[in-house]
Every structure is written in structure tokens, then in C-alpha cells.
C-alpha atoms as a PDB file:
ATOM      1  CA  MET A   1      -4.224  -9.775  30.322  1.00  0.00           C
ATOM      2  CA  GLU A   2      -5.309  -7.329  27.606  1.00  0.00           C
ATOM      3  CA  PRO A   3      -4.696  -8.381  24.008  1.00  0.00           C
ATOM      4  CA  VAL A   4      -1.858  -6.528  22.337  1.00  0.00           C
ATOM      5  CA  GLN A   5      -3.142  -4.052  19.792  1.00  0.00           C
ATOM      6  CA  ARG A   6      -1.317  -4.386  16.500  1.00  0.00           C
ATOM      7  CA  ALA A   7      -0.278  -1.431  14.370  1.00  0.00           C
ATOM      8  CA  ARG A   8      -2.717  -0.444  11.618  1.00  0.00           C
ATOM      9  CA  CYS A   9      -0.995  -0.631   8.246  1.00  0.00           C
ATOM     10  CA  TYR A  10      -2.443   0.745   5.010  1.00  0.00           C
ATOM     11  CA  ILE A  11      -1.718  -1.656   2.138  1.00  0.00           C
ATOM     12  CA  ALA A  12      -0.958   0.370  -1.009  1.00  0.00           C
ATOM     13  CA  SER A  13      -0.855  -1.565  -4.266  1.00  0.00           C
ATOM     14  CA  PRO A  14      -2.297  -1.792  -7.757  1.00  0.00           C
ATOM     15  CA  LEU A  15      -3.014  -5.518  -7.322  1.00  0.00           C
ATOM     16  CA  GLY A  16      -6.794  -5.125  -7.205  1.00  0.00           C
ATOM     17  CA  PHE A  17      -7.032  -4.029 -10.835  1.00  0.00           C
ATOM     18  CA  ALA A  18      -6.397  -7.468 -12.416  1.00  0.00           C
ATOM     19  CA  GLU A  19      -7.562 -10.995 -11.618  1.00  0.00           C
ATOM     20  CA  SER A  20      -3.976 -12.245 -11.454  1.00  0.00           C
ATOM     21  CA  GLY A  21      -3.035  -9.547  -8.974  1.00  0.00           C
ATOM     22  CA  ARG A  22      -6.151 -10.026  -6.866  1.00  0.00           C
ATOM     23  CA  HIS A  23      -5.284 -13.695  -6.342  1.00  0.00           C
ATOM     24  CA  TYR A  24      -1.801 -12.909  -4.972  1.00  0.00           C
ATOM     25  CA  TYR A  25      -3.137  -9.963  -2.967  1.00  0.00           C
ATOM     26  CA  GLN A  26      -5.986 -11.863  -1.283  1.00  0.00           C
ATOM     27  CA  ASP A  27      -4.397 -15.294  -0.912  1.00  0.00           C
ATOM     28  CA  VAL A  28      -0.756 -14.478  -0.164  1.00  0.00           C
ATOM     29  CA  TYR A  29       0.047 -10.825   0.485  1.00  0.00           C
ATOM     30  CA  LEU A  30      -2.757  -9.764   2.865  1.00  0.00           C
ATOM     31  CA  PRO A  31      -2.753 -12.981   4.945  1.00  0.00           C
ATOM     32  CA  THR A  32       1.026 -12.787   5.351  1.00  0.00           C
ATOM     33  CA  LEU A  33       0.957  -9.153   6.490  1.00  0.00           C
ATOM     34  CA  ALA A  34      -2.035  -9.875   8.762  1.00  0.00           C
ATOM     35  CA  ARG A  35       0.229 -12.072  10.889  1.00  0.00           C
ATOM     36  CA  ILE A  36       2.055  -8.968  12.171  1.00  0.00           C
ATOM     37  CA  VAL A  37      -0.111  -5.888  11.538  1.00  0.00           C
ATOM     38  CA  ASP A  38      -3.767  -4.961  11.275  1.00  0.00           C
ATOM     39  CA  PRO A  39      -3.938  -4.486   7.482  1.00  0.00           C
ATOM     40  CA  VAL A  40      -6.169  -1.734   6.150  1.00  0.00           C
ATOM     41  CA  ASP A  41      -7.240  -2.933   2.720  1.00  0.00           C
ATOM     42  CA  PRO A  42      -8.288  -0.077   0.416  1.00  0.00           C
ATOM     43  CA  TRP A  43      -9.708  -2.584  -2.092  1.00  0.00           C
ATOM     44  CA  SER A  44     -12.372  -3.547   0.451  1.00  0.00           C
ATOM     45  CA  LEU A  45     -13.568   0.027   1.060  1.00  0.00           C
ATOM     46  CA  THR A  46     -15.653   0.187  -2.128  1.00  0.00           C
ATOM     47  CA  GLN A  47     -17.809  -2.601  -3.508  1.00  0.00           C
ATOM     48  CA  PRO A  48     -17.712  -3.515  -7.220  1.00  0.00           C
ATOM     49  CA  ALA A  49     -21.493  -3.013  -7.436  1.00  0.00           C
ATOM     50  CA  GLU A  50     -21.061   0.556  -6.228  1.00  0.00           C
ATOM     51  CA  VAL A  51     -18.547   1.268  -8.996  1.00  0.00           C
ATOM     52  CA  ALA A  52     -20.691  -0.485 -11.618  1.00  0.00           C
ATOM     53  CA  SER A  53     -23.728   1.549 -10.599  1.00  0.00           C
ATOM     54  CA  ALA A  54     -21.797   4.815 -10.768  1.00  0.00           C
ATOM     55  CA  ASN A  55     -20.396   3.857 -14.182  1.00  0.00           C
ATOM     56  CA  ALA A  56     -23.866   2.975 -15.519  1.00  0.00           C
ATOM     57  CA  GLU A  57     -25.173   6.333 -14.335  1.00  0.00           C
ATOM     58  CA  GLY A  58     -22.250   8.299 -15.811  1.00  0.00           C
ATOM     59  CA  ARG A  59     -20.857   9.202 -12.381  1.00  0.00           C
ATOM     60  CA  GLN A  60     -17.304   7.948 -12.947  1.00  0.00           C
ATOM     61  CA  ARG A  61     -15.659  11.132 -11.660  1.00  0.00           C
ATOM     62  CA  GLU A  62     -17.899  11.213  -8.600  1.00  0.00           C
ATOM     63  CA  ILE A  63     -17.127   7.616  -7.616  1.00  0.00           C
ATOM     64  CA  GLY A  64     -13.436   8.214  -8.306  1.00  0.00           C
ATOM     65  CA  LEU A  65     -13.388  11.140  -5.882  1.00  0.00           C
ATOM     66  CA  VAL A  66     -15.305   9.132  -3.273  1.00  0.00           C
ATOM     67  CA  ILE A  67     -12.811   6.276  -3.547  1.00  0.00           C
ATOM     68  CA  GLY A  68      -9.921   8.728  -3.190  1.00  0.00           C
ATOM     69  CA  GLN A  69     -11.508  10.265  -0.082  1.00  0.00           C
ATOM     70  CA  ARG A  70     -12.057   6.835   1.466  1.00  0.00           C
ATOM     71  CA  ASN A  71      -8.461   5.863   0.816  1.00  0.00           C
ATOM     72  CA  ALA A  72      -7.166   9.142   2.302  1.00  0.00           C
ATOM     73  CA  ALA A  73      -9.265   8.595   5.438  1.00  0.00           C
ATOM     74  CA  ALA A  74      -7.956   5.032   5.686  1.00  0.00           C
ATOM     75  CA  ILE A  75      -4.353   6.235   5.423  1.00  0.00           C
ATOM     76  CA  ARG A  76      -5.007   8.806   8.162  1.00  0.00           C
ATOM     77  CA  SER A  77      -6.263   5.985  10.428  1.00  0.00           C
ATOM     78  CA  CYS A  78      -2.920   4.141  10.242  1.00  0.00           C
ATOM     79  CA  THR A  79       0.589   4.445  11.632  1.00  0.00           C
ATOM     80  CA  LEU A  80       2.281   2.348   8.921  1.00  0.00           C
ATOM     81  CA  LEU A  81       2.027   1.947   5.155  1.00  0.00           C
ATOM     82  CA  ALA A  82       3.259  -0.993   3.070  1.00  0.00           C
ATOM     83  CA  ALA A  83       3.487  -0.307  -0.671  1.00  0.00           C
ATOM     84  CA  LEU A  84       3.928  -2.889  -3.407  1.00  0.00           C
ATOM     85  CA  LEU A  85       6.384  -1.279  -5.830  1.00  0.00           C
ATOM     86  CA  ASP A  86       6.651  -3.919  -8.573  1.00  0.00           C
ATOM     87  CA  GLY A  87       6.230  -3.036 -12.232  1.00  0.00           C
ATOM     88  CA  GLN A  88       8.237  -1.271 -14.917  1.00  0.00           C
ATOM     89  CA  GLU A  89       7.405   1.891 -13.001  1.00  0.00           C
ATOM     90  CA  VAL A  90       5.734   2.303  -9.615  1.00  0.00           C
ATOM     91  CA  ASP A  91       1.960   2.574 -10.009  1.00  0.00           C
ATOM     92  CA  SER A  92       1.013   6.274  -9.868  1.00  0.00           C
ATOM     93  CA  GLY A  93      -1.739   5.742  -7.290  1.00  0.00           C
ATOM     94  CA  THR A  94       0.595   3.762  -5.051  1.00  0.00           C
ATOM     95  CA  ALA A  95       3.246   6.483  -5.400  1.00  0.00           C
ATOM     96  CA  ALA A  96       0.671   9.107  -4.401  1.00  0.00           C
ATOM     97  CA  GLU A  97      -0.379   7.050  -1.367  1.00  0.00           C
ATOM     98  CA  VAL A  98       3.263   6.758  -0.268  1.00  0.00           C
ATOM     99  CA  GLY A  99       3.786  10.516  -0.588  1.00  0.00           C
ATOM    100  CA  PHE A 100       0.564  11.321   1.260  1.00  0.00           C
ATOM    101  CA  ALA A 101       1.338   8.873   4.067  1.00  0.00           C
ATOM    102  CA  ALA A 102       4.915  10.096   4.442  1.00  0.00           C
ATOM    103  CA  ALA A 103       3.701  13.701   4.621  1.00  0.00           C
ATOM    104  CA  LEU A 104       1.285  12.696   7.402  1.00  0.00           C
ATOM    105  CA  GLY A 105       4.133  11.124   9.384  1.00  0.00           C
ATOM    106  CA  LEU A 106       3.420   7.429   8.792  1.00  0.00           C
ATOM    107  CA  THR A 107       6.394   5.098   8.584  1.00  0.00           C
ATOM    108  CA  CYS A 108       6.353   3.752   5.026  1.00  0.00           C
ATOM    109  CA  PHE A 109       7.757   0.515   3.668  1.00  0.00           C
ATOM    110  CA  GLY A 110       8.057  -0.749   0.146  1.00  0.00           C
ATOM    111  CA  LEU A 111       8.254  -4.190  -1.413  1.00  0.00           C
ATOM    112  CA  ARG A 112       9.995  -4.523  -4.761  1.00  0.00           C
ATOM    113  CA  THR A 113      10.473  -8.091  -5.997  1.00  0.00           C
ATOM    114  CA  ASP A 114      10.539  -7.116  -9.684  1.00  0.00           C
ATOM    115  CA  LEU A 115      13.761  -8.096 -11.484  1.00  0.00           C
ATOM    116  CA  ARG A 116      13.561  -5.147 -13.887  1.00  0.00           C
ATOM    117  CA  GLU A 117      15.394  -1.925 -13.177  1.00  0.00           C
ATOM    118  CA  SER A 118      13.270   1.068 -12.309  1.00  0.00           C
ATOM    119  CA  GLY A 119      14.057   4.606 -11.301  1.00  0.00           C
ATOM    120  CA  GLU A 120      17.190   6.635 -11.481  1.00  0.00           C
ATOM    121  CA  ARG A 121      20.723   5.234 -11.236  1.00  0.00           C
ATOM    122  CA  GLY A 122      21.405   3.817  -7.795  1.00  0.00           C
ATOM    123  CA  MET A 123      17.740   3.822  -6.788  1.00  0.00           C
ATOM    124  CA  ARG A 124      15.442   0.809  -6.523  1.00  0.00           C
ATOM    125  CA  VAL A 125      12.446   2.850  -7.727  1.00  0.00           C
ATOM    126  CA  ASN A 126      11.653   6.458  -8.594  1.00  0.00           C
ATOM    127  CA  LEU A 127      13.972   8.626  -6.500  1.00  0.00           C
ATOM    128  CA  GLN A 128      11.153  10.623  -4.918  1.00  0.00           C
ATOM    129  CA  VAL A 129       9.202   7.521  -3.860  1.00  0.00           C
ATOM    130  CA  GLU A 130      12.314   5.923  -2.402  1.00  0.00           C
ATOM    131  CA  SER A 131      13.294   9.166  -0.691  1.00  0.00           C
ATOM    132  CA  PHE A 132       9.866   9.488   0.951  1.00  0.00           C
ATOM    133  CA  ILE A 133      10.072   5.904   2.210  1.00  0.00           C
ATOM    134  CA  VAL A 134      13.553   6.313   3.658  1.00  0.00           C
ATOM    135  CA  GLU A 135      12.801   9.747   5.137  1.00  0.00           C
ATOM    136  CA  SER A 136       9.711   8.303   6.860  1.00  0.00           C
ATOM    137  CA  GLY A 137      11.923   5.822   8.714  1.00  0.00           C
ATOM    138  CA  GLY A 138      11.086   2.861   6.504  1.00  0.00           C
ATOM    139  CA  GLN A 139      12.887   1.003   3.759  1.00  0.00           C
ATOM    140  CA  ILE A 140      12.367  -1.019   0.607  1.00  0.00           C
ATOM    141  CA  SER A 141      12.471  -4.805   0.939  1.00  0.00           C
ATOM    142  CA  THR A 142      13.222  -7.277  -1.841  1.00  0.00           C
ATOM    143  CA  SER A 143      11.112 -10.176  -0.539  1.00  0.00           C
ATOM    144  CA  LEU A 144       7.855 -10.612   1.318  1.00  0.00           C
ATOM    145  CA  GLU A 145       9.745 -12.295   4.163  1.00  0.00           C
ATOM    146  CA  GLU A 146      12.062  -9.282   4.475  1.00  0.00           C
ATOM    147  CA  LEU A 147       9.058  -6.915   4.488  1.00  0.00           C
ATOM    148  CA  VAL A 148       7.417  -8.950   7.258  1.00  0.00           C
ATOM    149  CA  HIS A 149      10.606  -8.728   9.303  1.00  0.00           C
ATOM    150  CA  ASP A 150      10.946  -4.970   8.748  1.00  0.00           C
ATOM    151  CA  LEU A 151       7.292  -4.304   9.583  1.00  0.00           C
ATOM    152  CA  SER A 152       7.380  -6.504  12.669  1.00  0.00           C
ATOM    153  CA  THR A 153      10.440  -4.689  13.995  1.00  0.00           C
ATOM    154  CA  THR A 154       8.755  -1.307  13.555  1.00  0.00           C
ATOM    155  CA  ALA A 155       5.309  -2.429  14.719  1.00  0.00           C
ATOM    156  CA  ARG A 156       6.767  -3.572  18.071  1.00  0.00           C
ATOM    157  CA  ARG A 157       8.277  -0.149  18.871  1.00  0.00           C
END
């Protein structure tokens, strides 16, 4: 019997920018999502030494564009996107990834566990981000367990 191929899911989040976020991302978030999808981790597409070298040589813009191109290619290789939407406002890079993925036809999901209000009245986050997620066929979950359930239901289709 052939092994079942799992859906590729781009993992959009700002968690790689801080040590505290990296811990949750690497030790909790990615392993949990890996139980049901094949996670595509944009934080693993570029090595810290590559960024440090570019910074030392004054090539910050160049490395930034390379990282953006790698992330866009990774999104194109997926059928799903899971976006972490916590924070006072949704991270601008994560919002851009959601919009790009939705425009490409990926089903997008969001996770918002933050207790603070964000976005316009009646919305969980910025109205455009939430609209893209819903229009793509996805939804915003309020717990990691709920996100796993939502992704697993879609990944099996």
C-alpha cells in the first residue's frame, strides 16, 4: 500500500524573529502541525549565516529580496497556508503571505489566541486579512487544537 501523501502547508508567522517565539514555533507549533500536514517552514529556507554575511557586506536589500522570493516559491508549492495572527496587529509579512496565498488559490487558515482585540468591529483581525482567509475557504481558529482539527478536515478532502 502506498503511503498517503499529506497536504503541503506553508506556515506563516513572525515567530522566528525572537528567541521566545522561536521556542514555541520549533517545539510546539511546527511539531503539532506536522502530525496532520507536511509543514513548509519559511524560517528554514535561509540560514542565519547567510543573512549575517549579507549584512556584513552591506547587501541587506539583496538578501531581503532573496528571502521574499524563496518564501513566494514555497507558498506556490503548497495547497494550504496556516498563519499565526497573534499580536496587537497582524504581522505585516504574515498578512502579505495570507493575501498572496489566497490570490493563488490556497486554502488559508489563521490562528489567533491573543486575548487583545484587533481589527475592525466584529472582526477577529484586520478585515482584509480575515476576508481573504474566509474567501479562500478557511477560517480563523482560537486554539491550536481547533486549528489542527480545521486543517485535518481540509487536508483529507
